[in-house]
């Protein structure tokens, strides 16, 4: 392996360490569009939502251990032990797969009240670290809920499970209102920039452009950031615009982004949207990484989530750090994104991500820091690796386009904030 390749790999490992048993967490396209607060029609699922066994919210008797397939699995399972998981579904029939190893045994899928939804007999795989997948079907209600994986007979280790909607319930769509929007920026003129605070190194780093066909209307926001900007502007590593800090925990965010056809694959990541923390300076805190950020690395989209319950924390003392692959970038075309977020450092947090109106990721649980102020929203280019590591990047300039940005309150919806 070449020295540069090794060095870039070490940089990537230093930036983020994943802790799931699979090779990367939740990289598949999950199975549902949302039945949102306006009651939209639930679309039929096309792929599974995976849940790692070690991500339980409560348990009895089990322990985590190193997994042969990578990361961790749950082991030391005895009859009567259980693990609880929070999931979010539409009403309908689901196929559930369980990744199991061991000498056999059985499990039950239960509701929070103890009702048994399904039973699975587990095969003997010959070893506690030789895994096989077993399948069953269950009927689940709509909404966020707790399911319990209960050990009805011992003898098995548990890596992950996934669930796929195979018979969704169709819900009638009522009239959609638009009175829950807090911001709308369509970038038809420079007047739209007055709704934002600029964080740019030079005036030409952010302009209204018509060099690509807009997502809608006549103009788009064009962001540009170059390696030379770091040198010329005192190590500045961004071309972004931001909103003020939020006053509520829950909001909806919609935007459309466009990467030019000559967008170069780069091992040094950039963040293209951030929900950035605000330190409690009076407690001794300083600036940290954003609890939720959306970026590009090695030609793939990703979302990164950090959280911490301590009243004072740093990047090195967070309770969790998850990086999730969202699939390859699409060049020379617009992609519509919606993020539904309820910020919380506790179990009631919500993060749901939609690409082109299809849900591609969801996380129900902690997703931010225990700060006095909620995070603020930013879009644009943040290329921190070009300050000190620029020689490992094959690109000299990044260009990114944004259009149709909307922010809605907690009563908003996928339809209301989606690019039109």
Protein backbone atom coordinates (compact mmCIF):
# COMPACT_ATOMS: atom_id res chain seq x y z
CA UNK A 1 0.00 0.00 0.00
CA UNK A 2 1.28 3.46 -0.84
CA UNK A 3 2.32 5.74 2.04
CA UNK A 4 -0.23 8.42 1.10
CA UNK A 5 -3.02 5.88 1.05
CA UNK A 6 -2.05 4.65 4.50
CA UNK A 7 -1.88 8.19 5.82
CA UNK A 8 -5.31 9.18 4.51
CA UNK A 9 -6.77 6.00 5.95
CA UNK A 10 -5.30 6.89 9.35
CA UNK A 11 -6.84 10.36 9.08
CA UNK A 12 -10.24 8.84 8.38
CA UNK A 13 -9.91 6.47 11.32
CA UNK A 14 -8.90 9.32 13.61
CA UNK A 15 -11.89 11.38 12.58
CA UNK A 16 -14.50 8.71 13.25
CA UNK A 17 -14.70 5.23 14.73
CA UNK A 18 -17.80 3.13 14.11
CA UNK A 19 -19.13 0.70 16.71
CA UNK A 20 -21.66 -1.52 14.93
CA UNK A 21 -21.28 -5.23 14.31
CA UNK A 22 -21.91 -4.86 10.59
CA UNK A 23 -19.19 -3.37 8.38
CA UNK A 24 -20.96 -0.03 8.36
CA UNK A 25 -24.08 1.10 10.15
CA UNK A 26 -27.42 1.46 8.40
CA UNK A 27 -25.98 1.90 4.93
CA UNK A 28 -29.00 0.35 3.22
CA UNK A 29 -32.00 2.39 2.10
CA UNK A 30 -34.63 1.88 4.82
CA UNK A 31 -38.11 0.77 4.06
CA UNK A 32 -40.65 3.51 4.63
CA UNK A 33 -41.74 6.93 3.67
CA UNK A 34 -43.20 8.75 6.63
CA UNK A 35 -46.82 8.89 7.66
CA UNK A 36 -46.35 12.46 8.79
CA UNK A 37 -48.34 14.86 10.91
CA UNK A 38 -50.49 15.68 7.86
CA UNK A 39 -51.32 12.00 7.40
CA UNK A 40 -49.63 11.37 4.08
CA UNK A 41 -49.97 8.09 2.23
CA UNK A 42 -47.49 5.46 3.36
CA UNK A 43 -45.42 4.22 0.41
CA UNK A 44 -44.58 0.53 0.04
CA UNK A 45 -41.18 -0.42 1.40
CA UNK A 46 -38.28 -1.36 -0.87
CA UNK A 47 -35.51 -2.23 1.61
CA UNK A 48 -34.92 -3.04 5.25
CA UNK A 49 -34.18 -0.88 8.29
CA UNK A 50 -31.34 -2.53 10.22
CA UNK A 51 -30.95 -2.33 14.00
CA UNK A 52 -27.74 -3.45 15.69
CA UNK A 53 -28.30 -5.85 18.59
CA UNK A 54 -26.09 -3.85 20.94
CA UNK A 55 -28.18 -0.67 20.45
CA UNK A 56 -30.92 -1.80 22.87
CA UNK A 57 -32.62 0.81 25.08
CA UNK A 58 -33.10 -1.65 27.95
CA UNK A 59 -32.17 -5.28 28.67
CA UNK A 60 -32.13 -8.06 31.22
CA UNK A 61 -29.19 -10.40 31.75
CA UNK A 62 -27.28 -10.04 28.47
CA UNK A 63 -23.78 -8.73 27.75
CA UNK A 64 -22.03 -7.17 24.76
CA UNK A 65 -18.95 -8.83 23.30
CA UNK A 66 -16.62 -8.62 20.27
CA UNK A 67 -18.28 -9.94 17.12
CA UNK A 68 -16.55 -12.03 14.46
CA UNK A 69 -18.41 -10.07 11.78
CA UNK A 70 -17.05 -6.80 13.20
CA UNK A 71 -17.99 -4.48 16.04
CA UNK A 72 -20.14 -6.05 18.79
CA UNK A 73 -22.87 -8.62 19.28
CA UNK A 74 -25.07 -9.47 22.26
CA UNK A 75 -24.19 -12.70 24.03
CA UNK A 76 -24.53 -14.57 27.35
CA UNK A 77 -28.25 -14.87 26.60
CA UNK A 78 -30.22 -17.08 29.01
CA UNK A 79 -33.87 -18.12 28.97
CA UNK A 80 -35.96 -15.18 30.21
CA UNK A 81 -33.43 -12.53 29.16
CA UNK A 82 -34.54 -9.78 26.79
CA UNK A 83 -33.51 -6.66 24.83
CA UNK A 84 -35.78 -3.67 24.07
CA UNK A 85 -35.51 -1.58 20.88
CA UNK A 86 -37.27 1.59 19.73
CA UNK A 87 -38.52 1.51 16.13
CA UNK A 88 -40.87 3.64 14.05
CA UNK A 89 -43.26 2.08 11.52
CA UNK A 90 -46.42 2.53 9.53
CA UNK A 91 -49.18 0.05 10.24
CA UNK A 92 -48.82 -3.18 8.29
CA UNK A 93 -47.13 -6.55 7.92
CA UNK A 94 -43.34 -6.70 8.26
CA UNK A 95 -40.68 -9.23 7.35
CA UNK A 96 -38.09 -9.44 10.13
CA UNK A 97 -34.62 -10.97 9.71
CA UNK A 98 -32.47 -11.97 12.69
CA UNK A 99 -28.69 -12.52 12.48
CA UNK A 100 -28.05 -15.35 14.96
CA UNK A 101 -25.21 -17.71 15.93
CA UNK A 102 -24.94 -20.61 18.39
CA UNK A 103 -26.31 -24.01 19.28
CA UNK A 104 -29.97 -23.21 18.66
CA UNK A 105 -32.75 -21.93 20.88
CA UNK A 106 -35.72 -19.66 20.22
CA UNK A 107 -36.88 -16.08 20.59
CA UNK A 108 -40.13 -14.16 20.74
CA UNK A 109 -40.94 -10.73 19.36
CA UNK A 110 -43.10 -8.93 21.91
CA UNK A 111 -44.84 -5.59 22.33
CA UNK A 112 -44.04 -3.41 25.33
CA UNK A 113 -47.09 -4.80 27.15
CA UNK A 114 -45.85 -8.39 26.73
CA UNK A 115 -48.11 -9.36 23.81
CA UNK A 116 -46.31 -11.91 21.63
CA UNK A 117 -46.15 -10.79 17.99
CA UNK A 118 -44.10 -13.67 16.64
CA UNK A 119 -41.93 -16.67 17.52
CA UNK A 120 -38.72 -17.83 15.83
CA UNK A 121 -36.94 -21.17 16.20
CA UNK A 122 -33.20 -20.67 15.81
CA UNK A 123 -30.88 -23.07 13.97
CA UNK A 124 -27.61 -24.47 15.27
CA UNK A 125 -24.76 -22.81 13.36
CA UNK A 126 -21.90 -24.82 14.84
CA UNK A 127 -20.33 -21.91 16.75
CA UNK A 128 -21.24 -18.87 18.78
CA UNK A 129 -19.53 -16.72 16.15
CA UNK A 130 -20.74 -18.41 12.94
CA UNK A 131 -23.85 -16.46 11.95
CA UNK A 132 -26.98 -17.32 9.98
CA UNK A 133 -30.07 -15.29 9.14
CA UNK A 134 -33.59 -16.46 10.08
CA UNK A 135 -36.82 -14.81 8.96
CA UNK A 136 -40.35 -14.35 10.24
CA UNK A 137 -43.33 -12.05 9.65
CA UNK A 138 -45.15 -9.86 12.16
CA UNK A 139 -47.87 -7.21 12.06
CA UNK A 140 -46.90 -3.87 13.61
CA UNK A 141 -48.94 -0.75 14.44
CA UNK A 142 -48.13 2.77 13.27
CA UNK A 143 -45.79 5.08 15.15
CA UNK A 144 -42.79 5.00 17.44
CA UNK A 145 -42.87 1.93 19.66
CA UNK A 146 -40.79 -0.45 21.75
CA UNK A 147 -40.37 -4.07 20.69
CA UNK A 148 -38.83 -6.68 22.96
CA UNK A 149 -36.67 -9.54 21.72
CA UNK A 150 -37.26 -12.18 24.40
CA UNK A 151 -35.15 -15.33 24.82
CA UNK A 152 -37.67 -18.19 25.15
CA UNK A 153 -34.81 -20.72 24.98
CA UNK A 154 -31.07 -20.20 25.46
CA UNK A 155 -28.11 -21.11 23.24
CA UNK A 156 -27.64 -18.16 20.85
CA UNK A 157 -25.77 -14.92 20.20
CA UNK A 158 -27.38 -11.94 18.47
CA UNK A 159 -25.77 -9.61 15.90
CA UNK A 160 -28.61 -7.57 14.34
CA UNK A 161 -32.17 -7.60 13.09
CA UNK A 162 -33.92 -5.72 10.30
CA UNK A 163 -37.52 -5.10 9.33
CA UNK A 164 -39.21 -4.48 5.96
CA UNK A 165 -42.78 -3.34 5.36
CA UNK A 166 -44.32 -5.87 2.98
CA UNK A 167 -48.00 -4.87 3.32
CA UNK A 168 -48.40 -1.19 4.25
CA UNK A 169 -51.69 0.35 5.23
CA UNK A 170 -52.78 3.17 2.90
CA UNK A 171 -53.86 6.35 4.64
CA UNK A 172 -55.93 9.07 3.01
CA UNK A 173 -54.02 12.30 2.43
CA UNK A 174 -55.79 15.45 3.69
CA UNK A 175 -55.25 18.95 2.35
CA UNK A 176 -51.74 20.21 3.08
CA UNK A 177 -51.41 23.64 4.64
CA UNK A 178 -48.35 25.87 4.51
CA UNK A 179 -48.70 27.95 7.69
CA UNK A 180 -45.96 26.16 9.58
CA UNK A 181 -42.99 27.46 7.58
CA UNK A 182 -40.44 29.55 9.47
CA UNK A 183 -38.13 30.21 6.50
CA UNK A 184 -38.23 29.87 2.73
CA UNK A 185 -35.22 30.71 0.54
CA UNK A 186 -35.52 30.08 -3.21
CA UNK A 187 -32.42 32.16 -4.13
CA UNK A 188 -33.97 34.16 -6.93
CA UNK A 189 -31.91 37.22 -5.98
CA UNK A 190 -29.36 38.48 -3.45
CA UNK A 191 -32.29 39.52 -1.24
CA UNK A 192 -32.57 35.90 -0.11
CA UNK A 193 -29.11 36.11 1.48
CA UNK A 194 -30.44 38.79 3.84
CA UNK A 195 -32.34 35.99 5.63
CA UNK A 196 -29.01 34.35 6.53
CA UNK A 197 -25.72 35.20 8.20
CA UNK A 198 -22.76 34.72 5.83
CA UNK A 199 -19.57 32.90 6.81
CA UNK A 200 -17.52 33.34 3.65
CA UNK A 201 -13.90 34.30 3.01
CA UNK A 202 -14.54 36.38 -0.14
CA UNK A 203 -17.56 37.84 -1.91
CA UNK A 204 -17.29 35.49 -4.91
CA UNK A 205 -17.57 32.44 -2.64
CA UNK A 206 -21.36 32.91 -2.52
CA UNK A 207 -23.41 34.25 -5.44
CA UNK A 208 -26.80 33.84 -7.09
CA UNK A 209 -26.09 31.69 -10.14
CA UNK A 210 -27.86 30.63 -13.31
CA UNK A 211 -25.06 28.46 -14.71
CA UNK A 212 -27.05 25.31 -13.85
CA UNK A 213 -30.76 24.79 -14.36
CA UNK A 214 -32.42 25.77 -11.06
CA UNK A 215 -34.41 23.23 -9.07
CA UNK A 216 -37.24 25.73 -9.46
CA UNK A 217 -37.45 29.38 -10.52
CA UNK A 218 -34.61 31.38 -12.04
CA UNK A 219 -31.68 31.26 -9.61
CA UNK A 220 -29.70 29.10 -7.18
CA UNK A 221 -27.14 29.71 -4.44
CA UNK A 222 -23.62 28.86 -5.65
CA UNK A 223 -20.98 28.10 -2.98
CA UNK A 224 -17.29 27.94 -3.83
CA UNK A 225 -14.28 27.17 -1.67
CA UNK A 226 -10.67 26.68 -2.82
CA UNK A 227 -7.43 25.42 -1.29
CA UNK A 228 -5.91 28.86 -1.86
CA UNK A 229 -8.62 30.41 0.35
CA UNK A 230 -7.09 28.69 3.38
CA UNK A 231 -3.77 30.42 2.72
CA UNK A 232 -5.16 33.77 1.65
CA UNK A 233 -7.76 34.11 4.40
CA UNK A 234 -6.01 33.11 7.63
CA UNK A 235 -6.80 29.38 7.62
CA UNK A 236 -10.51 29.95 6.93
CA UNK A 237 -12.03 26.62 5.84
CA UNK A 238 -15.63 27.38 4.91
CA UNK A 239 -18.11 29.04 2.59
CA UNK A 240 -21.42 28.80 4.44
CA UNK A 241 -24.57 30.63 5.48
CA UNK A 242 -26.36 30.02 8.77
CA UNK A 243 -29.56 30.65 10.66
CA UNK A 244 -29.86 31.83 14.29
CA UNK A 245 -29.98 29.29 17.10
CA UNK A 246 -33.31 27.53 17.46
CA UNK A 247 -35.86 28.25 20.15
CA UNK A 248 -37.68 24.90 19.89
CA UNK A 249 -36.42 21.33 20.06
CA UNK A 250 -38.27 20.02 16.99
CA UNK A 251 -38.13 21.29 13.41
CA UNK A 252 -38.29 20.19 9.76
CA UNK A 253 -35.64 21.16 7.17
CA UNK A 254 -35.90 20.79 3.41
CA UNK A 255 -33.37 21.69 0.71
CA UNK A 256 -32.13 20.61 -2.69
CA UNK A 257 -28.44 20.26 -3.57
CA UNK A 258 -26.60 19.87 -6.88
CA UNK A 259 -23.04 18.65 -7.50
CA UNK A 260 -21.45 19.57 -10.85
CA UNK A 261 -20.53 16.80 -13.30
CA UNK A 262 -16.81 17.34 -12.62
CA UNK A 263 -17.18 16.96 -8.83
CA UNK A 264 -14.02 15.02 -7.83
CA UNK A 265 -14.08 12.07 -5.44
CA UNK A 266 -12.03 13.12 -2.40
CA UNK A 267 -10.96 11.11 0.69
CA UNK A 268 -10.93 14.36 2.70
CA UNK A 269 -14.53 14.96 3.70
CA UNK A 270 -16.59 18.12 3.54
CA UNK A 271 -19.73 18.94 5.49
CA UNK A 272 -22.48 20.47 3.33
CA UNK A 273 -25.11 20.98 6.06
CA UNK A 274 -24.68 21.28 9.82
CA UNK A 275 -26.79 21.58 12.92
CA UNK A 276 -24.11 23.19 15.06
CA UNK A 277 -23.90 23.30 18.83
CA UNK A 278 -23.66 26.44 20.96
CA UNK A 279 -21.37 25.96 24.01
CA UNK A 280 -22.38 26.91 27.54
CA UNK A 281 -19.39 29.20 27.90
CA UNK A 282 -20.28 30.11 31.49
CA UNK A 283 -19.76 26.45 32.43
CA UNK A 284 -16.35 26.32 30.79
CA UNK A 285 -17.40 24.72 27.51
CA UNK A 286 -15.81 25.65 24.18
CA UNK A 287 -16.79 25.02 20.55
CA UNK A 288 -17.20 21.34 19.59
CA UNK A 289 -18.12 19.39 16.49
CA UNK A 290 -21.78 19.69 15.39
CA UNK A 291 -24.07 17.06 16.93
CA UNK A 292 -25.68 16.45 13.51
CA UNK A 293 -23.91 17.03 10.21
CA UNK A 294 -24.45 15.98 6.58
CA UNK A 295 -21.40 15.55 4.38
CA UNK A 296 -19.56 13.91 1.49
CA UNK A 297 -16.52 11.62 1.72
CA UNK A 298 -14.99 9.38 -0.95
CA UNK A 299 -17.90 10.07 -3.29
CA UNK A 300 -20.60 9.10 -0.78
CA UNK A 301 -23.07 11.02 1.34
CA UNK A 302 -22.99 10.48 5.10
CA UNK A 303 -24.61 11.76 8.26
CA UNK A 304 -22.71 12.01 11.55
CA UNK A 305 -24.44 12.12 14.94
CA UNK A 306 -22.79 12.93 18.29
CA UNK A 307 -24.49 13.15 21.68
CA UNK A 308 -23.63 13.75 25.32
CA UNK A 309 -25.75 13.93 28.48
CA UNK A 310 -23.15 15.58 30.71
CA UNK A 311 -23.77 19.26 31.48
CA UNK A 312 -20.20 20.02 30.37
CA UNK A 313 -18.59 18.03 27.58
CA UNK A 314 -15.94 18.10 24.86
CA UNK A 315 -15.40 16.22 21.59
CA UNK A 316 -13.47 13.59 23.53
CA UNK A 317 -16.15 13.01 26.19
CA UNK A 318 -19.26 12.45 24.06
CA UNK A 319 -21.51 9.50 24.94
CA UNK A 320 -21.94 8.44 21.32
CA UNK A 321 -20.52 9.07 17.85
CA UNK A 322 -22.23 7.46 14.87
CA UNK A 323 -21.38 7.87 11.19
CA UNK A 324 -23.91 6.48 8.70
CA UNK A 325 -23.42 5.95 4.97
CA UNK A 326 -26.31 7.37 2.90
CA UNK A 327 -25.20 6.14 -0.51
CA UNK A 328 -23.24 7.44 -3.51
CA UNK A 329 -23.38 11.06 -4.62
CA UNK A 330 -25.41 11.93 -7.71
CA UNK A 331 -23.70 14.39 -10.03
CA UNK A 332 -25.28 16.84 -12.47
CA UNK A 333 -28.74 16.48 -10.95
CA UNK A 334 -30.76 17.94 -8.11
CA UNK A 335 -31.37 15.85 -5.00
CA UNK A 336 -34.09 16.81 -2.54
CA UNK A 337 -33.39 16.25 1.16
CA UNK A 338 -35.61 16.56 4.23
CA UNK A 339 -34.36 16.27 7.81
CA UNK A 340 -36.92 15.93 10.60
CA UNK A 341 -35.13 16.57 13.89
CA UNK A 342 -36.16 16.71 17.51
CA UNK A 343 -32.96 17.66 19.34
CA UNK A 344 -32.42 15.78 22.59
CA UNK A 345 -29.59 14.22 24.57
CA UNK A 346 -32.14 11.75 25.97
CA UNK A 347 -34.23 8.89 24.56
CA UNK A 348 -36.94 11.14 23.05
CA UNK A 349 -34.73 12.48 20.23
CA UNK A 350 -35.79 12.08 16.59
CA UNK A 351 -33.71 12.12 13.41
CA UNK A 352 -35.42 11.13 10.15
CA UNK A 353 -33.78 11.73 6.75
CA UNK A 354 -35.52 11.63 3.37
CA UNK A 355 -33.91 11.69 -0.07
CA UNK A 356 -36.27 12.54 -2.91
CA UNK A 357 -39.21 11.90 -0.54
CA UNK A 358 -38.08 8.39 0.44
CA UNK A 359 -36.83 7.78 3.96
CA UNK A 360 -33.18 6.70 3.94
CA UNK A 361 -32.36 6.79 7.65
CA UNK A 362 -34.01 7.11 11.05
CA UNK A 363 -32.69 7.23 14.60
CA UNK A 364 -34.90 7.51 17.69
CA UNK A 365 -32.87 8.40 20.75
CA UNK A 366 -30.15 10.89 21.77
CA UNK A 367 -28.80 13.08 18.96
CA UNK A 368 -27.34 16.23 20.52
CA UNK A 369 -25.61 17.72 23.57
CA UNK A 370 -26.92 18.81 26.96
CA UNK A 371 -26.66 22.53 26.14
CA UNK A 372 -28.76 25.50 27.16
CA UNK A 373 -29.26 26.53 23.50
CA UNK A 374 -30.49 24.34 20.64
CA UNK A 375 -28.23 23.94 17.57
CA UNK A 376 -28.30 26.32 14.62
CA UNK A 377 -28.59 25.34 10.94
CA UNK A 378 -25.88 25.93 8.31
CA UNK A 379 -25.51 25.05 4.63
CA UNK A 380 -22.58 25.40 2.22
CA UNK A 381 -19.05 23.97 2.21
CA UNK A 382 -16.98 23.27 5.32
CA UNK A 383 -13.66 21.69 4.25
CA UNK A 384 -11.60 21.48 7.44
CA UNK A 385 -9.13 18.96 5.98
CA UNK A 386 -7.66 21.58 3.66
CA UNK A 387 -6.13 23.29 6.68
CA UNK A 388 -3.04 21.13 7.13
CA UNK A 389 -3.91 18.11 4.97
CA UNK A 390 -4.56 19.74 1.58
CA UNK A 391 -1.81 17.77 -0.20
CA UNK A 392 -3.81 14.55 0.34
CA UNK A 393 -6.79 15.92 -1.59
CA UNK A 394 -6.94 15.54 -5.41
CA UNK A 395 -9.21 18.57 -5.80
CA UNK A 396 -8.25 22.24 -5.66
CA UNK A 397 -11.73 23.81 -5.61
CA UNK A 398 -15.17 22.74 -4.47
CA UNK A 399 -18.39 24.07 -6.01
CA UNK A 400 -21.85 23.23 -4.66
CA UNK A 401 -25.33 24.56 -5.50
CA UNK A 402 -28.37 24.89 -3.22
CA UNK A 403 -31.99 25.72 -3.96
CA UNK A 404 -35.44 25.55 -2.35
CA UNK A 405 -34.47 25.75 1.34
CA UNK A 406 -37.35 25.61 3.82
CA UNK A 407 -37.55 25.30 7.60
CA UNK A 408 -40.78 24.30 9.33
CA UNK A 409 -41.82 24.11 12.95
CA UNK A 410 -42.75 20.94 14.85
CA UNK A 411 -46.20 20.90 13.19
CA UNK A 412 -44.74 20.97 9.69
CA UNK A 413 -44.35 17.93 7.44
CA UNK A 414 -42.39 16.19 4.71
CA UNK A 415 -44.66 17.68 2.04
CA UNK A 416 -44.56 21.21 3.41
CA UNK A 417 -40.76 21.60 3.53
CA UNK A 418 -39.85 19.42 0.52
CA UNK A 419 -38.52 21.20 -2.58
CA UNK A 420 -41.50 21.72 -4.88
